[in-house]
Amino acid sequence: MACGGAAHAAQKTGGAGDKKPPAAQPAKDKPAPAATHTVVVYYLYTEPRCVSCTNIEKFTREAIEKTFAKELKSGRLVWMPVDVKKDGNWHYVEDFQLRSKTVVVADYKGSREDKEKILAWKNLEQVWPLLKDKEKFMEYIQTETRIFLDQKYEKPKTDEKKDKDKQSGGNKK
C-alpha cells in the first residue's frame, strides 16, 4: 500500500453490496454502547509514514475530536487508526479496496462488534488533494462523518435476485 500520489485517484467507494469488512475492535477501556448504529472513522496506514501521511492522521483526529466530542464519548462514533500490516489487519486493504493510506468512514448496524452488519462505507479519497488546505481538509472529514452519523449517505444498491435467494435459503434447482 503506497502513499497517496497517483494511486489515490484509483481508490473506490463501497457500500453494503461490496465485501463486508469486520467491525472495529472495541477499545478495552470503554464499554460498548447499545446503539442503533455505530460509525467508525478509520485512518488506514502502513509504516514508514511520510509527513503527509502523519498529517492525514493528525488533521483527521483533530477534525473528529473538535466536532464530535459528544458522539465519541457516547460510543456512537469511533476513531480508529489502524496499521494494516500489524496483527492481522491486512484484510482492511481488500475489504476497503485500498491502494494507498487513507481515511474510511463505515456505518455498522448496532455496535461496532457486529462484524457482518455493515450498512455502508466510503473511502474518503479526497484527503490527498485537500491535504495542503487544512481548513478544507477538516471540513471534508467533518461533513462526511456527519453524513454517516445522520445516515444520509447514498444507500447501496442491492441485487434483488441475491436478496430473494438469501430469504428463500439460496438458489434452488
Foldseek 3Di string as FASTA:
>chain_A
DAAQDPQLVPFWFKFLQAAFAFFDDDDPVDDWAFDQKAKEKEFEAAPPDDPLSVLLVVLLVCLCCVPPVVCCVRRSYHYYYDHCVPDPNVVCCVRRVDDHGFIKMWMAGTTSNRTSGTFTMTTLSCLVVCSVPSVVNSVSSNVVNVCRSVVVDDGDDDDVVVVVQVVVVHDDD
